[in-house]
Amino acid sequence: MIVSITSTFFVLLFGSMAGFAIARLPMKGKQPMLIFLLIISVFPPLVVITPLYMLLRDVGWLDSYQALVIPYTAFNLPFAIWILRNYFLQVPGALFEAAKMDGASVFMSYWRIFLPLTTPGLFTAAVFTFVACWTEFFMALVFNPDNTMRTIPVGIALFSGQYTVPYGTIFAGSVVSIVPIVILVVIFRRWIVSGLTQGAVKG
């Protein structure tokens, strides 16, 4: 839970800033950036498991929260940036120009005008990121092998004994593990659908 919430927070923080910058700030190379993000979003994380493991081992971060928070944030950022960038494009540019004429800085325009107007997009990115972090298995198994640092999917997978498989316990744990996801989807389903549909209009 700590890993999923922390990763989601950082993804929303950095993803919203990057999405706003790509959507509204004058800069060169926006199209290559978007292509790069698209490539990264389909890049299989398993390819970098070994170098990531060696890096985390060298800095002493194995069996720690940051061993999962940093990779989860990095691999979920492209999707969040893409969704939020498209959603920022839905906000009228006249609001940005009016804010600049009133003396608002770029950050204040982002924080007080654009961010509140992109709530559905934020909910969409948050739910998808949380679900991806909550259900991720392989990195959690490799980077945090200690019993005290295991995530729920890894713990459920390791319920099996040497000679027996406690199917009842595994099924019960699986049902309990999806409860937070179901609650999130039920509560925020309207914002999720709105964020996906409106955020896909332009781009």
C-alpha atoms as a PDB file:
ATOM      1  CA  MET A   1       0.000   0.000   0.000  1.00  0.00           C
ATOM      2  CA  ILE A   2       2.808   2.428   0.900  1.00  0.00           C
ATOM      3  CA  VAL A   3       4.643   1.692  -2.339  1.00  0.00           C
ATOM      4  CA  SER A   4       1.520   2.074  -4.496  1.00  0.00           C
ATOM      5  CA  ILE A   5       0.382   5.329  -2.878  1.00  0.00           C
ATOM      6  CA  THR A   6       3.853   6.883  -2.940  1.00  0.00           C
ATOM      7  CA  SER A   7       4.449   5.891  -6.556  1.00  0.00           C
ATOM      8  CA  THR A   8       1.054   7.258  -7.570  1.00  0.00           C
ATOM      9  CA  PHE A   9       1.809  10.563  -5.831  1.00  0.00           C
ATOM     10  CA  PHE A  10       5.113  11.009  -7.651  1.00  0.00           C
ATOM     11  CA  VAL A  11       3.606   9.986 -10.990  1.00  0.00           C
ATOM     12  CA  LEU A  12       0.850  12.592 -10.620  1.00  0.00           C
ATOM     13  CA  LEU A  13       3.308  15.256  -9.455  1.00  0.00           C
ATOM     14  CA  PHE A  14       5.869  14.834 -12.219  1.00  0.00           C
ATOM     15  CA  GLY A  15       3.362  13.695 -14.844  1.00  0.00           C
ATOM     16  CA  SER A  16       1.126  16.732 -14.440  1.00  0.00           C
ATOM     17  CA  MET A  17       4.078  19.132 -14.599  1.00  0.00           C
ATOM     18  CA  ALA A  18       5.533  17.456 -17.677  1.00  0.00           C
ATOM     19  CA  GLY A  19       2.133  17.197 -19.357  1.00  0.00           C
ATOM     20  CA  PHE A  20       1.460  20.879 -18.736  1.00  0.00           C
ATOM     21  CA  ALA A  21       4.875  21.871 -20.070  1.00  0.00           C
ATOM     22  CA  ILE A  22       4.484  19.822 -23.248  1.00  0.00           C
ATOM     23  CA  ALA A  23       0.924  21.023 -23.816  1.00  0.00           C
ATOM     24  CA  ARG A  24       1.219  24.723 -23.043  1.00  0.00           C
ATOM     25  CA  LEU A  25       4.816  25.954 -22.854  1.00  0.00           C
ATOM     26  CA  PRO A  26       6.746  26.963 -25.976  1.00  0.00           C
ATOM     27  CA  MET A  27       9.582  24.503 -26.442  1.00  0.00           C
ATOM     28  CA  LYS A  28      11.367  22.704 -29.219  1.00  0.00           C
ATOM     29  CA  GLY A  29      11.151  18.994 -29.837  1.00  0.00           C
ATOM     30  CA  LYS A  30       7.651  18.328 -28.531  1.00  0.00           C
ATOM     31  CA  GLN A  31       6.900  15.757 -31.197  1.00  0.00           C
ATOM     32  CA  PRO A  32      10.091  13.737 -30.566  1.00  0.00           C
ATOM     33  CA  MET A  33       9.278  13.864 -26.852  1.00  0.00           C
ATOM     34  CA  LEU A  34       5.845  12.384 -27.447  1.00  0.00           C
ATOM     35  CA  ILE A  35       7.276   9.688 -29.704  1.00  0.00           C
ATOM     36  CA  PHE A  36       9.867   8.868 -27.051  1.00  0.00           C
ATOM     37  CA  LEU A  37       7.147   8.644 -24.386  1.00  0.00           C
ATOM     38  CA  LEU A  38       5.129   6.333 -26.615  1.00  0.00           C
ATOM     39  CA  ILE A  39       8.141   4.060 -27.113  1.00  0.00           C
ATOM     40  CA  ILE A  40       8.911   4.012 -23.392  1.00  0.00           C
ATOM     41  CA  SER A  41       5.293   3.174 -22.544  1.00  0.00           C
ATOM     42  CA  VAL A  42       5.485  -0.059 -24.565  1.00  0.00           C
ATOM     43  CA  PHE A  43       9.016  -0.904 -23.424  1.00  0.00           C
ATOM     44  CA  PRO A  44       8.997  -4.174 -21.427  1.00  0.00           C
ATOM     45  CA  PRO A  45      10.289  -3.540 -17.882  1.00  0.00           C
ATOM     46  CA  LEU A  46      11.720  -7.064 -17.700  1.00  0.00           C
ATOM     47  CA  VAL A  47      14.487  -6.010 -20.097  1.00  0.00           C
ATOM     48  CA  VAL A  48      16.041  -3.742 -17.456  1.00  0.00           C
ATOM     49  CA  ILE A  49      15.511  -5.982 -14.436  1.00  0.00           C
ATOM     50  CA  THR A  50      19.149  -7.132 -14.280  1.00  0.00           C
ATOM     51  CA  PRO A  51      20.821  -3.695 -14.552  1.00  0.00           C
ATOM     52  CA  LEU A  52      18.275  -2.242 -12.135  1.00  0.00           C
ATOM     53  CA  TYR A  53      18.982  -5.018  -9.647  1.00  0.00           C
ATOM     54  CA  MET A  54      22.732  -4.411  -9.891  1.00  0.00           C
ATOM     55  CA  LEU A  55      22.245  -0.665  -9.445  1.00  0.00           C
ATOM     56  CA  LEU A  56      19.974  -1.068  -6.421  1.00  0.00           C
ATOM     57  CA  ARG A  57      22.377  -3.586  -4.910  1.00  0.00           C
ATOM     58  CA  ASP A  58      25.342  -1.249  -5.342  1.00  0.00           C
ATOM     59  CA  VAL A  59      23.572   1.670  -3.647  1.00  0.00           C
ATOM     60  CA  GLY A  60      22.177  -0.557  -0.891  1.00  0.00           C
ATOM     61  CA  TRP A  61      18.518  -0.081  -1.750  1.00  0.00           C
ATOM     62  CA  LEU A  62      17.426  -3.695  -2.049  1.00  0.00           C
ATOM     63  CA  ASP A  63      14.640  -4.605   0.395  1.00  0.00           C
ATOM     64  CA  SER A  64      13.498  -1.000   0.677  1.00  0.00           C
ATOM     65  CA  TYR A  65      10.527   1.086  -0.389  1.00  0.00           C
ATOM     66  CA  GLN A  66      12.564   3.149  -2.844  1.00  0.00           C
ATOM     67  CA  ALA A  67      13.621  -0.041  -4.646  1.00  0.00           C
ATOM     68  CA  LEU A  68      10.055  -0.242  -5.953  1.00  0.00           C
ATOM     69  CA  VAL A  69       8.882   3.371  -5.817  1.00  0.00           C
ATOM     70  CA  ILE A  70      11.537   4.634  -8.238  1.00  0.00           C
ATOM     71  CA  PRO A  71      11.013   1.966 -10.957  1.00  0.00           C
ATOM     72  CA  TYR A  72       7.227   2.096 -10.588  1.00  0.00           C
ATOM     73  CA  THR A  73       7.283   5.874 -10.966  1.00  0.00           C
ATOM     74  CA  ALA A  74       9.572   5.735 -13.991  1.00  0.00           C
ATOM     75  CA  PHE A  75       7.573   3.098 -15.855  1.00  0.00           C
ATOM     76  CA  ASN A  76       4.173   4.673 -15.165  1.00  0.00           C
ATOM     77  CA  LEU A  77       5.149   8.258 -15.969  1.00  0.00           C
ATOM     78  CA  PRO A  78       4.811   8.016 -19.788  1.00  0.00           C
ATOM     79  CA  PHE A  79       1.143   6.993 -19.627  1.00  0.00           C
ATOM     80  CA  ALA A  80       0.339   9.717 -17.101  1.00  0.00           C
ATOM     81  CA  ILE A  81       2.149  12.382 -19.126  1.00  0.00           C
ATOM     82  CA  TRP A  82       0.339  11.336 -22.295  1.00  0.00           C
ATOM     83  CA  ILE A  83      -3.101  11.367 -20.663  1.00  0.00           C
ATOM     84  CA  LEU A  84      -2.567  14.645 -18.810  1.00  0.00           C
ATOM     85  CA  ARG A  85      -0.956  16.367 -21.793  1.00  0.00           C
ATOM     86  CA  ASN A  86      -4.013  15.603 -23.914  1.00  0.00           C
ATOM     87  CA  TYR A  87      -6.260  16.800 -21.129  1.00  0.00           C
ATOM     88  CA  PHE A  88      -4.361  20.070 -20.679  1.00  0.00           C
ATOM     89  CA  LEU A  89      -4.976  20.738 -24.365  1.00  0.00           C
ATOM     90  CA  GLN A  90      -8.724  20.767 -23.643  1.00  0.00           C
ATOM     91  CA  VAL A  91      -8.355  23.811 -21.381  1.00  0.00           C
ATOM     92  CA  PRO A  92      -8.802  27.026 -23.417  1.00  0.00           C
ATOM     93  CA  GLY A  93      -5.488  28.717 -24.091  1.00  0.00           C
ATOM     94  CA  ALA A  94      -7.130  32.075 -23.418  1.00  0.00           C
ATOM     95  CA  LEU A  95      -7.090  31.240 -19.710  1.00  0.00           C
ATOM     96  CA  PHE A  96      -3.317  30.893 -19.808  1.00  0.00           C
ATOM     97  CA  GLU A  97      -2.917  34.183 -21.654  1.00  0.00           C
ATOM     98  CA  ALA A  98      -5.275  35.960 -19.250  1.00  0.00           C
ATOM     99  CA  ALA A  99      -3.349  34.621 -16.271  1.00  0.00           C
ATOM    100  CA  LYS A 100      -0.072  35.891 -17.738  1.00  0.00           C
ATOM    101  CA  MET A 101      -1.611  39.321 -18.324  1.00  0.00           C
ATOM    102  CA  ASP A 102      -2.701  39.384 -14.683  1.00  0.00           C
ATOM    103  CA  GLY A 103       0.873  38.734 -13.603  1.00  0.00           C
ATOM    104  CA  ALA A 104       0.577  35.055 -12.734  1.00  0.00           C
ATOM    105  CA  SER A 105       3.716  32.976 -13.104  1.00  0.00           C
ATOM    106  CA  VAL A 106       3.798  29.791 -15.139  1.00  0.00           C
ATOM    107  CA  PHE A 107       3.673  27.706 -11.970  1.00  0.00           C
ATOM    108  CA  MET A 108       0.721  29.646 -10.560  1.00  0.00           C
ATOM    109  CA  SER A 109      -1.148  29.206 -13.848  1.00  0.00           C
ATOM    110  CA  TYR A 110      -0.453  25.488 -13.686  1.00  0.00           C
ATOM    111  CA  TRP A 111      -1.358  25.148 -10.007  1.00  0.00           C
ATOM    112  CA  ARG A 112      -4.391  27.407  -9.694  1.00  0.00           C
ATOM    113  CA  ILE A 113      -5.983  27.267 -13.162  1.00  0.00           C
ATOM    114  CA  PHE A 114      -5.024  24.209 -15.181  1.00  0.00           C
ATOM    115  CA  LEU A 115      -4.657  21.604 -12.449  1.00  0.00           C
ATOM    116  CA  PRO A 116      -8.163  22.088 -10.952  1.00  0.00           C
ATOM    117  CA  LEU A 117      -9.669  21.888 -14.452  1.00  0.00           C
ATOM    118  CA  THR A 118      -7.999  18.556 -15.179  1.00  0.00           C
ATOM    119  CA  THR A 119      -9.409  16.631 -12.219  1.00  0.00           C
ATOM    120  CA  PRO A 120     -10.868  13.781 -14.338  1.00  0.00           C
ATOM    121  CA  GLY A 121      -7.515  13.296 -16.029  1.00  0.00           C
ATOM    122  CA  LEU A 122      -5.752  13.231 -12.670  1.00  0.00           C
ATOM    123  CA  PHE A 123      -8.179  10.624 -11.353  1.00  0.00           C
ATOM    124  CA  THR A 124      -7.661   8.522 -14.473  1.00  0.00           C
ATOM    125  CA  ALA A 125      -3.882   8.617 -14.205  1.00  0.00           C
ATOM    126  CA  ALA A 126      -4.034   7.991 -10.453  1.00  0.00           C
ATOM    127  CA  VAL A 127      -6.265   4.930 -10.675  1.00  0.00           C
ATOM    128  CA  PHE A 128      -4.342   3.346 -13.549  1.00  0.00           C
ATOM    129  CA  THR A 129      -1.021   3.982 -11.811  1.00  0.00           C
ATOM    130  CA  PHE A 130      -2.239   2.632  -8.483  1.00  0.00           C
ATOM    131  CA  VAL A 131      -3.591  -0.532 -10.092  1.00  0.00           C
ATOM    132  CA  ALA A 132      -0.355  -1.072 -12.040  1.00  0.00           C
ATOM    133  CA  CYS A 133       1.756  -0.665  -8.898  1.00  0.00           C
ATOM    134  CA  TRP A 134      -0.589  -2.733  -6.731  1.00  0.00           C
ATOM    135  CA  THR A 135      -0.605  -5.704  -9.094  1.00  0.00           C
ATOM    136  CA  GLU A 136       3.057  -5.631 -10.229  1.00  0.00           C
ATOM    137  CA  PHE A 137       4.811  -8.877  -9.365  1.00  0.00           C
ATOM    138  CA  PHE A 138       8.232  -9.493 -10.878  1.00  0.00           C
ATOM    139  CA  MET A 139      10.123  -6.399  -9.715  1.00  0.00           C
ATOM    140  CA  ALA A 140       8.614  -6.754  -6.244  1.00  0.00           C
ATOM    141  CA  LEU A 141       9.778 -10.372  -6.126  1.00  0.00           C
ATOM    142  CA  VAL A 142      13.324  -9.619  -7.307  1.00  0.00           C
ATOM    143  CA  PHE A 143      14.063  -6.304  -5.601  1.00  0.00           C
ATOM    144  CA  ASN A 144      12.431  -6.988  -2.221  1.00  0.00           C
ATOM    145  CA  PRO A 145      12.958 -10.664  -1.338  1.00  0.00           C
ATOM    146  CA  ASP A 146      12.832 -10.028   2.409  1.00  0.00           C
ATOM    147  CA  ASN A 147       9.660 -11.280   4.085  1.00  0.00           C
ATOM    148  CA  THR A 148       8.999  -7.926   5.777  1.00  0.00           C
ATOM    149  CA  MET A 149       9.095  -6.015   2.471  1.00  0.00           C
ATOM    150  CA  ARG A 150       6.982  -8.271   0.276  1.00  0.00           C
ATOM    151  CA  THR A 151       4.025  -6.844  -1.562  1.00  0.00           C
ATOM    152  CA  ILE A 152       0.624  -8.531  -1.509  1.00  0.00           C
ATOM    153  CA  PRO A 153       0.900 -10.304  -4.917  1.00  0.00           C
ATOM    154  CA  VAL A 154       4.293 -11.741  -3.965  1.00  0.00           C
ATOM    155  CA  GLY A 155       3.055 -12.814  -0.551  1.00  0.00           C
ATOM    156  CA  ILE A 156       0.054 -14.588  -2.065  1.00  0.00           C
ATOM    157  CA  ALA A 157       2.237 -16.367  -4.633  1.00  0.00           C
ATOM    158  CA  LEU A 158       4.514 -17.666  -1.877  1.00  0.00           C
ATOM    159  CA  PHE A 159       1.689 -19.180   0.177  1.00  0.00           C
ATOM    160  CA  SER A 160       2.370 -22.566  -1.396  1.00  0.00           C
ATOM    161  CA  GLY A 161       4.326 -25.041   0.693  1.00  0.00           C
ATOM    162  CA  GLN A 162       6.738 -27.734  -0.410  1.00  0.00           C
ATOM    163  CA  TYR A 163       4.124 -30.466  -0.570  1.00  0.00           C
ATOM    164  CA  THR A 164       0.780 -28.661  -0.345  1.00  0.00           C
ATOM    165  CA  VAL A 165      -0.938 -25.782  -2.088  1.00  0.00           C
ATOM    166  CA  PRO A 166      -3.439 -23.979   0.197  1.00  0.00           C
ATOM    167  CA  TYR A 167      -5.894 -23.019  -2.519  1.00  0.00           C
ATOM    168  CA  GLY A 168      -8.424 -21.679  -0.048  1.00  0.00           C
ATOM    169  CA  THR A 169      -5.907 -19.314   1.525  1.00  0.00           C
ATOM    170  CA  ILE A 170      -4.630 -18.210  -1.875  1.00  0.00           C
ATOM    171  CA  PHE A 171      -8.134 -17.511  -3.186  1.00  0.00           C
ATOM    172  CA  ALA A 172      -9.072 -15.640  -0.007  1.00  0.00           C
ATOM    173  CA  GLY A 173      -5.921 -13.532  -0.211  1.00  0.00           C
ATOM    174  CA  SER A 174      -6.572 -12.805  -3.877  1.00  0.00           C
ATOM    175  CA  VAL A 175     -10.102 -11.605  -3.141  1.00  0.00           C
ATOM    176  CA  VAL A 176      -8.891  -9.375  -0.315  1.00  0.00           C
ATOM    177  CA  SER A 177      -6.118  -7.949  -2.504  1.00  0.00           C
ATOM    178  CA  ILE A 178      -8.536  -6.723  -5.184  1.00  0.00           C
ATOM    179  CA  VAL A 179     -10.844  -4.965  -2.712  1.00  0.00           C
ATOM    180  CA  PRO A 180      -8.946  -1.618  -2.837  1.00  0.00           C
ATOM    181  CA  ILE A 181      -8.968  -1.712  -6.644  1.00  0.00           C
ATOM    182  CA  VAL A 182     -12.697  -2.410  -6.792  1.00  0.00           C
ATOM    183  CA  ILE A 183     -13.388   0.406  -4.333  1.00  0.00           C
ATOM    184  CA  LEU A 184     -11.310   2.857  -6.385  1.00  0.00           C
ATOM    185  CA  VAL A 185     -13.013   1.939  -9.651  1.00  0.00           C
ATOM    186  CA  VAL A 186     -16.517   2.073  -8.154  1.00  0.00           C
ATOM    187  CA  ILE A 187     -15.962   5.450  -6.492  1.00  0.00           C
ATOM    188  CA  PHE A 188     -14.115   7.148  -9.339  1.00  0.00           C
ATOM    189  CA  ARG A 189     -15.559   5.392 -12.400  1.00  0.00           C
ATOM    190  CA  ARG A 190     -17.288   8.553 -13.639  1.00  0.00           C
ATOM    191  CA  TRP A 191     -14.053  10.556 -13.526  1.00  0.00           C
ATOM    192  CA  ILE A 192     -12.096   7.697 -15.103  1.00  0.00           C
ATOM    193  CA  VAL A 193     -14.418   7.480 -18.108  1.00  0.00           C
ATOM    194  CA  SER A 194     -14.490  11.258 -18.429  1.00  0.00           C
ATOM    195  CA  GLY A 195     -10.711  11.462 -18.258  1.00  0.00           C
ATOM    196  CA  LEU A 196     -10.174   8.797 -20.908  1.00  0.00           C
ATOM    197  CA  THR A 197     -12.745  10.161 -23.357  1.00  0.00           C
ATOM    198  CA  GLN A 198     -12.038  13.883 -23.025  1.00  0.00           C
ATOM    199  CA  GLY A 199      -8.292  13.382 -22.838  1.00  0.00           C
ATOM    200  CA  ALA A 200      -8.309  11.518 -26.129  1.00  0.00           C
ATOM    201  CA  VAL A 201     -10.049  14.189 -28.202  1.00  0.00           C
ATOM    202  CA  LYS A 202      -6.953  16.191 -29.134  1.00  0.00           C
ATOM    203  CA  GLY A 203      -3.343  15.231 -29.545  1.00  0.00           C
END
